[in-house]
N, C-alpha and C. Protein backbone atom coordinates (compact mmCIF):
# COMPACT_ATOMS: atom_id res chain seq x y z
N UNK A 1 -45.46 152.07 7.91
CA UNK A 1 -44.12 152.42 8.37
C UNK A 1 -44.00 153.94 8.46
N UNK A 2 -43.59 154.44 9.59
CA UNK A 2 -43.41 155.87 9.78
C UNK A 2 -42.09 156.29 9.16
N UNK A 3 -42.14 157.33 8.34
CA UNK A 3 -40.93 157.81 7.68
C UNK A 3 -40.20 158.79 8.58
N UNK A 4 -38.88 158.66 8.62
CA UNK A 4 -38.07 159.55 9.43
C UNK A 4 -37.90 160.88 8.71
N UNK A 5 -38.25 161.96 9.37
CA UNK A 5 -38.07 163.30 8.82
C UNK A 5 -37.25 164.11 9.79
N UNK A 6 -36.36 164.93 9.27
CA UNK A 6 -35.62 165.83 10.14
C UNK A 6 -35.66 167.23 9.56
N UNK A 7 -35.50 168.18 10.40
CA UNK A 7 -35.55 169.58 10.01
C UNK A 7 -34.21 169.98 9.39
N UNK A 8 -34.22 170.86 8.42
CA UNK A 8 -33.00 171.33 7.77
C UNK A 8 -32.15 172.11 8.78
N UNK A 9 -30.83 172.11 8.59
CA UNK A 9 -29.95 172.82 9.53
C UNK A 9 -30.31 174.30 9.73
N UNK A 10 -30.69 175.00 8.67
CA UNK A 10 -31.04 176.42 8.81
C UNK A 10 -32.27 176.58 9.69
N UNK A 11 -33.30 175.77 9.43
CA UNK A 11 -34.52 175.84 10.23
C UNK A 11 -34.23 175.45 11.68
N UNK A 12 -33.40 174.45 11.86
CA UNK A 12 -33.02 174.04 13.21
C UNK A 12 -32.31 175.19 13.94
N UNK A 13 -31.47 175.91 13.23
CA UNK A 13 -30.76 177.07 13.80
C UNK A 13 -31.75 178.13 14.30
N UNK A 14 -32.90 178.23 13.62
CA UNK A 14 -33.93 179.20 14.02
C UNK A 14 -34.81 178.68 15.15
N UNK A 15 -34.58 177.43 15.56
CA UNK A 15 -35.36 176.87 16.66
C UNK A 15 -36.66 176.21 16.22
N UNK A 16 -36.80 175.92 14.94
CA UNK A 16 -38.01 175.31 14.42
C UNK A 16 -38.04 173.83 14.79
N UNK A 17 -39.21 173.37 15.25
CA UNK A 17 -39.42 171.97 15.61
C UNK A 17 -40.62 171.42 14.86
N UNK A 18 -40.54 170.14 14.48
CA UNK A 18 -41.67 169.46 13.86
C UNK A 18 -42.58 168.93 14.96
N UNK A 19 -43.84 169.34 14.94
CA UNK A 19 -44.83 168.84 15.89
C UNK A 19 -45.61 167.67 15.31
N UNK A 20 -45.82 167.70 13.99
CA UNK A 20 -46.61 166.67 13.31
C UNK A 20 -46.18 166.62 11.86
N UNK A 21 -46.14 165.44 11.28
CA UNK A 21 -45.84 165.27 9.86
C UNK A 21 -46.37 163.92 9.42
N UNK A 22 -47.51 163.94 8.73
CA UNK A 22 -48.11 162.68 8.31
C UNK A 22 -49.01 162.90 7.09
N UNK A 23 -48.84 162.05 6.10
CA UNK A 23 -49.71 162.02 4.92
C UNK A 23 -50.00 163.38 4.30
N UNK A 24 -48.97 164.16 4.06
CA UNK A 24 -49.14 165.43 3.38
C UNK A 24 -49.56 166.60 4.24
N UNK A 25 -49.49 166.43 5.55
CA UNK A 25 -49.85 167.50 6.49
C UNK A 25 -48.71 167.65 7.49
N UNK A 26 -48.42 168.89 7.87
CA UNK A 26 -47.35 169.13 8.86
C UNK A 26 -47.71 170.31 9.74
N UNK A 27 -47.18 170.27 10.96
CA UNK A 27 -47.30 171.38 11.91
C UNK A 27 -45.92 171.60 12.51
N UNK A 28 -45.43 172.83 12.41
CA UNK A 28 -44.12 173.20 12.94
C UNK A 28 -44.27 174.36 13.91
N UNK A 29 -43.33 174.43 14.85
CA UNK A 29 -43.35 175.48 15.87
C UNK A 29 -42.01 176.21 15.85
N UNK A 30 -42.06 177.54 16.04
CA UNK A 30 -40.84 178.33 16.16
C UNK A 30 -41.03 179.36 17.27
N UNK A 31 -40.07 179.44 18.20
CA UNK A 31 -40.18 180.44 19.26
C UNK A 31 -39.75 181.83 18.79
N UNK A 32 -40.37 182.84 19.37
CA UNK A 32 -39.90 184.21 19.18
C UNK A 32 -38.54 184.31 19.83
N UNK A 33 -37.58 184.87 19.12
CA UNK A 33 -36.25 185.12 19.67
C UNK A 33 -35.85 186.52 19.28
N UNK A 34 -35.33 187.29 20.21
CA UNK A 34 -34.94 188.67 19.90
C UNK A 34 -33.97 188.74 18.72
N UNK A 35 -33.11 187.73 18.59
CA UNK A 35 -32.12 187.71 17.50
C UNK A 35 -32.78 187.59 16.12
N UNK A 36 -34.05 187.25 16.08
CA UNK A 36 -34.77 187.07 14.82
C UNK A 36 -35.75 188.21 14.54
N UNK A 37 -35.52 189.36 15.17
CA UNK A 37 -36.45 190.47 15.02
C UNK A 37 -35.93 191.54 14.06
N UNK A 38 -36.85 192.40 13.66
CA UNK A 38 -36.50 193.58 12.87
C UNK A 38 -36.24 194.75 13.84
N UNK A 39 -35.92 195.94 13.36
CA UNK A 39 -35.64 197.06 14.28
C UNK A 39 -36.81 197.44 15.20
N UNK A 40 -38.04 197.04 14.86
CA UNK A 40 -39.21 197.35 15.70
C UNK A 40 -39.47 196.24 16.73
N UNK A 41 -38.55 195.28 16.86
CA UNK A 41 -38.67 194.13 17.77
C UNK A 41 -39.80 193.17 17.40
N UNK A 42 -40.26 193.24 16.16
CA UNK A 42 -41.22 192.26 15.64
C UNK A 42 -40.42 191.12 15.00
N UNK A 43 -40.96 189.91 15.07
CA UNK A 43 -40.31 188.79 14.42
C UNK A 43 -40.13 189.12 12.94
N UNK A 44 -38.94 188.94 12.42
CA UNK A 44 -38.61 189.30 11.05
C UNK A 44 -39.46 188.49 10.06
N UNK A 45 -39.91 189.14 9.01
CA UNK A 45 -40.72 188.47 7.99
C UNK A 45 -40.01 187.28 7.37
N UNK A 46 -38.69 187.36 7.24
CA UNK A 46 -37.93 186.24 6.68
C UNK A 46 -37.99 185.01 7.57
N UNK A 47 -38.02 185.21 8.89
CA UNK A 47 -38.14 184.08 9.82
C UNK A 47 -39.53 183.46 9.72
N UNK A 48 -40.55 184.29 9.58
CA UNK A 48 -41.92 183.79 9.42
C UNK A 48 -42.04 183.04 8.10
N UNK A 49 -41.46 183.58 7.04
CA UNK A 49 -41.48 182.90 5.74
C UNK A 49 -40.77 181.56 5.81
N UNK A 50 -39.68 181.51 6.57
CA UNK A 50 -38.93 180.26 6.70
C UNK A 50 -39.77 179.18 7.36
N UNK A 51 -40.49 179.51 8.42
CA UNK A 51 -41.30 178.48 9.09
C UNK A 51 -42.45 178.03 8.19
N UNK A 52 -43.02 178.93 7.41
CA UNK A 52 -44.09 178.54 6.47
C UNK A 52 -43.54 177.64 5.37
N UNK A 53 -42.42 178.03 4.79
CA UNK A 53 -41.77 177.24 3.74
C UNK A 53 -41.36 175.87 4.28
N UNK A 54 -40.78 175.85 5.46
CA UNK A 54 -40.35 174.59 6.07
C UNK A 54 -41.53 173.67 6.34
N UNK A 55 -42.65 174.23 6.79
CA UNK A 55 -43.83 173.41 7.07
C UNK A 55 -44.34 172.75 5.79
N UNK A 56 -44.39 173.50 4.70
CA UNK A 56 -44.82 172.91 3.44
C UNK A 56 -43.84 171.83 2.98
N UNK A 57 -42.56 172.10 3.13
CA UNK A 57 -41.54 171.12 2.74
C UNK A 57 -41.65 169.84 3.57
N UNK A 58 -41.91 169.97 4.86
CA UNK A 58 -42.06 168.80 5.72
C UNK A 58 -43.34 168.03 5.35
N UNK A 59 -44.41 168.75 5.00
CA UNK A 59 -45.64 168.08 4.57
C UNK A 59 -45.36 167.23 3.32
N UNK A 60 -44.59 167.77 2.40
CA UNK A 60 -44.21 167.01 1.20
C UNK A 60 -43.30 165.85 1.58
N UNK A 61 -42.37 166.11 2.48
CA UNK A 61 -41.47 165.06 2.95
C UNK A 61 -42.21 163.91 3.61
N UNK A 62 -43.36 164.20 4.22
CA UNK A 62 -44.14 163.13 4.84
C UNK A 62 -44.71 162.18 3.80
N UNK A 63 -44.79 162.63 2.57
CA UNK A 63 -45.23 161.78 1.46
C UNK A 63 -44.03 161.09 0.82
N UNK A 64 -42.98 161.87 0.53
CA UNK A 64 -41.82 161.33 -0.19
C UNK A 64 -40.88 160.53 0.70
N UNK A 65 -40.83 160.89 1.99
CA UNK A 65 -39.89 160.23 2.90
C UNK A 65 -38.52 160.88 2.86
N UNK A 66 -37.66 160.43 3.75
CA UNK A 66 -36.32 160.99 3.87
C UNK A 66 -35.37 160.19 3.01
N UNK A 67 -34.26 160.70 2.57
CA UNK A 67 -33.85 162.09 2.73
C UNK A 67 -34.64 163.02 1.80
N UNK A 68 -34.63 164.30 2.13
CA UNK A 68 -35.38 165.28 1.35
C UNK A 68 -34.90 165.25 -0.10
N UNK A 69 -35.85 165.20 -1.01
CA UNK A 69 -35.52 165.16 -2.42
C UNK A 69 -36.28 166.25 -3.18
N UNK A 70 -36.65 167.31 -2.49
CA UNK A 70 -37.43 168.35 -3.12
C UNK A 70 -36.94 169.72 -2.65
N UNK A 71 -37.27 170.73 -3.43
CA UNK A 71 -36.85 172.09 -3.09
C UNK A 71 -37.89 173.09 -3.55
N UNK A 72 -37.87 174.27 -2.92
CA UNK A 72 -38.82 175.33 -3.22
C UNK A 72 -38.45 176.01 -4.53
N UNK A 73 -39.44 176.17 -5.42
CA UNK A 73 -39.21 176.93 -6.64
C UNK A 73 -40.01 178.23 -6.65
N UNK A 74 -41.05 178.30 -5.81
CA UNK A 74 -41.84 179.53 -5.71
C UNK A 74 -42.46 179.59 -4.33
N UNK A 75 -42.39 180.76 -3.71
CA UNK A 75 -43.00 180.97 -2.40
C UNK A 75 -43.68 182.33 -2.40
N UNK A 76 -44.96 182.34 -2.01
CA UNK A 76 -45.70 183.60 -1.88
C UNK A 76 -46.23 183.66 -0.46
N UNK A 77 -46.00 184.78 0.20
CA UNK A 77 -46.45 184.92 1.58
C UNK A 77 -47.18 186.25 1.75
N UNK A 78 -48.22 186.21 2.55
CA UNK A 78 -49.00 187.41 2.87
C UNK A 78 -48.99 187.56 4.38
N UNK A 79 -48.49 188.68 4.86
CA UNK A 79 -48.39 188.93 6.29
C UNK A 79 -49.66 189.61 6.78
N UNK A 80 -50.14 189.15 7.95
CA UNK A 80 -51.40 189.67 8.49
C UNK A 80 -51.23 190.41 9.80
N UNK A 81 -50.21 190.04 10.60
CA UNK A 81 -50.02 190.66 11.92
C UNK A 81 -48.56 190.51 12.35
N UNK A 82 -48.17 191.35 13.29
CA UNK A 82 -46.81 191.29 13.83
C UNK A 82 -46.72 190.28 14.98
N UNK A 83 -45.52 189.78 15.22
CA UNK A 83 -45.27 188.86 16.33
C UNK A 83 -44.23 189.50 17.23
N UNK A 84 -44.59 189.67 18.51
CA UNK A 84 -43.68 190.34 19.45
C UNK A 84 -43.24 189.45 20.61
N UNK A 85 -43.79 188.23 20.69
CA UNK A 85 -43.38 187.30 21.74
C UNK A 85 -44.01 185.94 21.51
N UNK A 86 -43.70 185.00 22.37
CA UNK A 86 -44.33 183.68 22.32
C UNK A 86 -43.77 182.76 21.25
N UNK A 87 -44.66 181.96 20.68
CA UNK A 87 -44.29 181.03 19.62
C UNK A 87 -45.22 181.22 18.44
N UNK A 88 -44.77 180.77 17.28
CA UNK A 88 -45.66 180.72 16.13
C UNK A 88 -45.76 179.27 15.68
N UNK A 89 -46.91 178.94 15.12
CA UNK A 89 -47.18 177.59 14.62
C UNK A 89 -47.53 177.70 13.15
N UNK A 90 -46.87 176.90 12.32
CA UNK A 90 -47.20 176.84 10.90
C UNK A 90 -47.87 175.51 10.63
N UNK A 91 -49.08 175.56 10.09
CA UNK A 91 -49.82 174.37 9.69
C UNK A 91 -49.83 174.34 8.17
N UNK A 92 -49.34 173.25 7.60
CA UNK A 92 -49.22 173.17 6.14
C UNK A 92 -49.81 171.89 5.61
N UNK A 93 -50.20 171.94 4.33
CA UNK A 93 -50.68 170.73 3.68
C UNK A 93 -50.33 170.79 2.20
N UNK A 94 -50.21 169.61 1.63
CA UNK A 94 -50.03 169.48 0.20
C UNK A 94 -51.41 169.64 -0.43
N UNK A 95 -51.52 170.52 -1.41
CA UNK A 95 -52.82 170.77 -2.03
C UNK A 95 -52.95 170.16 -3.42
N UNK A 96 -51.79 169.91 -4.06
CA UNK A 96 -51.85 169.36 -5.41
C UNK A 96 -50.50 168.76 -5.77
N UNK A 97 -50.57 167.77 -6.63
CA UNK A 97 -49.34 167.15 -7.11
C UNK A 97 -49.46 166.92 -8.61
N UNK A 98 -48.46 167.37 -9.35
CA UNK A 98 -48.43 167.21 -10.80
C UNK A 98 -47.03 166.73 -11.18
N UNK A 99 -46.94 165.50 -11.64
CA UNK A 99 -45.66 164.93 -12.05
C UNK A 99 -44.61 165.15 -10.95
N UNK A 100 -43.64 166.00 -11.20
CA UNK A 100 -42.57 166.24 -10.23
C UNK A 100 -42.78 167.53 -9.43
N UNK A 101 -43.97 168.11 -9.49
CA UNK A 101 -44.27 169.33 -8.74
C UNK A 101 -45.29 169.07 -7.65
N UNK A 102 -45.07 169.71 -6.52
CA UNK A 102 -46.04 169.71 -5.42
C UNK A 102 -46.46 171.15 -5.18
N UNK A 103 -47.72 171.36 -4.88
CA UNK A 103 -48.21 172.66 -4.43
C UNK A 103 -48.63 172.51 -2.98
N UNK A 104 -48.36 173.54 -2.19
CA UNK A 104 -48.73 173.49 -0.79
C UNK A 104 -49.23 174.83 -0.30
N UNK A 105 -49.83 174.79 0.88
CA UNK A 105 -50.26 176.03 1.52
C UNK A 105 -50.00 175.91 3.01
N UNK A 106 -49.75 177.05 3.62
CA UNK A 106 -49.48 177.09 5.05
C UNK A 106 -50.19 178.28 5.68
N UNK A 107 -50.61 178.09 6.92
CA UNK A 107 -51.17 179.17 7.72
C UNK A 107 -50.32 179.25 8.98
N UNK A 108 -49.82 180.45 9.27
CA UNK A 108 -48.98 180.66 10.44
C UNK A 108 -49.79 181.44 11.47
N UNK A 109 -49.84 180.92 12.69
CA UNK A 109 -50.59 181.56 13.77
C UNK A 109 -49.69 181.81 14.97
N UNK A 110 -50.14 182.70 15.85
CA UNK A 110 -49.41 182.92 17.10
C UNK A 110 -50.02 182.03 18.19
N UNK A 111 -49.56 182.19 19.42
CA UNK A 111 -50.04 181.38 20.53
C UNK A 111 -51.51 181.57 20.85
N UNK A 112 -52.10 182.69 20.41
CA UNK A 112 -53.52 182.95 20.61
C UNK A 112 -54.36 182.50 19.42
N UNK A 113 -53.75 181.77 18.48
CA UNK A 113 -54.39 181.27 17.27
C UNK A 113 -54.79 182.38 16.30
N UNK A 114 -54.16 183.54 16.43
CA UNK A 114 -54.37 184.64 15.49
C UNK A 114 -53.52 184.36 14.25
N UNK A 115 -54.08 184.56 13.06
CA UNK A 115 -53.33 184.33 11.83
C UNK A 115 -52.30 185.44 11.66
N UNK A 116 -51.06 185.02 11.52
CA UNK A 116 -49.92 185.93 11.35
C UNK A 116 -49.58 186.08 9.87
N UNK A 117 -49.67 184.96 9.13
CA UNK A 117 -49.34 184.95 7.70
C UNK A 117 -49.97 183.73 7.04
N UNK A 118 -50.17 183.86 5.73
CA UNK A 118 -50.57 182.73 4.91
C UNK A 118 -49.57 182.61 3.77
N UNK A 119 -49.34 181.39 3.32
CA UNK A 119 -48.34 181.19 2.27
C UNK A 119 -48.77 180.08 1.34
N UNK A 120 -48.30 180.19 0.10
CA UNK A 120 -48.44 179.12 -0.86
C UNK A 120 -47.05 178.88 -1.45
N UNK A 121 -46.83 177.65 -1.87
CA UNK A 121 -45.52 177.33 -2.43
C UNK A 121 -45.60 176.26 -3.50
N UNK A 122 -44.61 176.28 -4.37
CA UNK A 122 -44.43 175.26 -5.39
C UNK A 122 -43.08 174.62 -5.14
N UNK A 123 -43.05 173.30 -5.15
CA UNK A 123 -41.84 172.54 -4.84
C UNK A 123 -41.59 171.53 -5.96
N UNK A 124 -40.33 171.30 -6.28
CA UNK A 124 -39.97 170.35 -7.32
C UNK A 124 -39.21 169.18 -6.72
N UNK A 125 -39.55 167.98 -7.18
CA UNK A 125 -38.81 166.79 -6.79
C UNK A 125 -37.59 166.71 -7.70
N UNK A 126 -36.40 166.54 -7.12
CA UNK A 126 -35.19 166.57 -7.93
C UNK A 126 -34.79 165.22 -8.49
N UNK A 127 -35.38 164.15 -8.03
CA UNK A 127 -35.11 162.85 -8.64
C UNK A 127 -36.43 162.12 -8.83
N UNK A 128 -36.38 160.97 -9.41
CA UNK A 128 -37.60 160.28 -9.80
C UNK A 128 -37.45 158.78 -9.57
N UNK A 129 -37.20 158.36 -8.31
CA UNK A 129 -37.02 156.93 -8.05
C UNK A 129 -38.33 156.16 -8.15
N UNK A 130 -38.23 154.85 -8.21
CA UNK A 130 -39.42 154.00 -8.31
C UNK A 130 -40.36 154.22 -7.13
N UNK A 131 -39.81 154.46 -5.93
CA UNK A 131 -40.64 154.69 -4.75
C UNK A 131 -41.50 155.94 -4.92
N UNK A 132 -40.99 156.95 -5.62
CA UNK A 132 -41.74 158.18 -5.89
C UNK A 132 -43.03 157.87 -6.64
N UNK A 133 -42.98 156.97 -7.59
CA UNK A 133 -44.16 156.60 -8.37
C UNK A 133 -45.26 156.05 -7.47
N UNK A 134 -44.89 155.32 -6.43
CA UNK A 134 -45.87 154.72 -5.53
C UNK A 134 -46.61 155.76 -4.69
N UNK A 135 -46.04 156.97 -4.54
CA UNK A 135 -46.62 157.99 -3.66
C UNK A 135 -47.44 159.03 -4.40
N UNK A 136 -47.48 159.01 -5.71
CA UNK A 136 -48.04 160.15 -6.44
C UNK A 136 -49.53 160.39 -6.25
N UNK A 137 -50.27 159.44 -5.71
CA UNK A 137 -51.69 159.65 -5.46
C UNK A 137 -51.98 160.11 -4.04
N UNK A 138 -50.96 160.27 -3.20
CA UNK A 138 -51.16 160.68 -1.82
C UNK A 138 -51.15 162.21 -1.72
N UNK A 139 -52.30 162.82 -1.86
CA UNK A 139 -52.44 164.25 -1.74
C UNK A 139 -53.65 164.53 -0.85
N UNK A 140 -53.50 165.47 0.06
CA UNK A 140 -54.59 165.82 0.97
C UNK A 140 -55.65 166.58 0.19
N UNK A 141 -56.89 166.15 0.33
CA UNK A 141 -58.00 166.81 -0.36
C UNK A 141 -58.84 167.55 0.67
N UNK A 142 -59.38 168.68 0.27
CA UNK A 142 -60.24 169.47 1.16
C UNK A 142 -61.58 168.81 1.32
């Protein structure tokens, strides 16, 4: 059964779309928009962080299902290049699961597949329903 996932209102406001979300892996897309730039006309780091964070959250959501029952408790991002046009793609996966915590990683690239940023995150599940117990072994392995 395919689980219904939807993007959060803030991410939707930024134009983020889910391209893929299955079994702990997600791919999201966000267009460059002038309204999301810094004074140098580069895509703002906060917008890039949002797409990375959202991709990891959607990857986790592909395991837990809707509605979202998890939230970010730690996010680390490393910026590699500026974005001045086009779209960015965030590819994320769940890397580890411990009790009510998920760890994830994301790689953000531009339209030329150049790495723009890398991110890691820690997410906490806010409830503990019986269905959650059934999913705890579903983690993507390298």
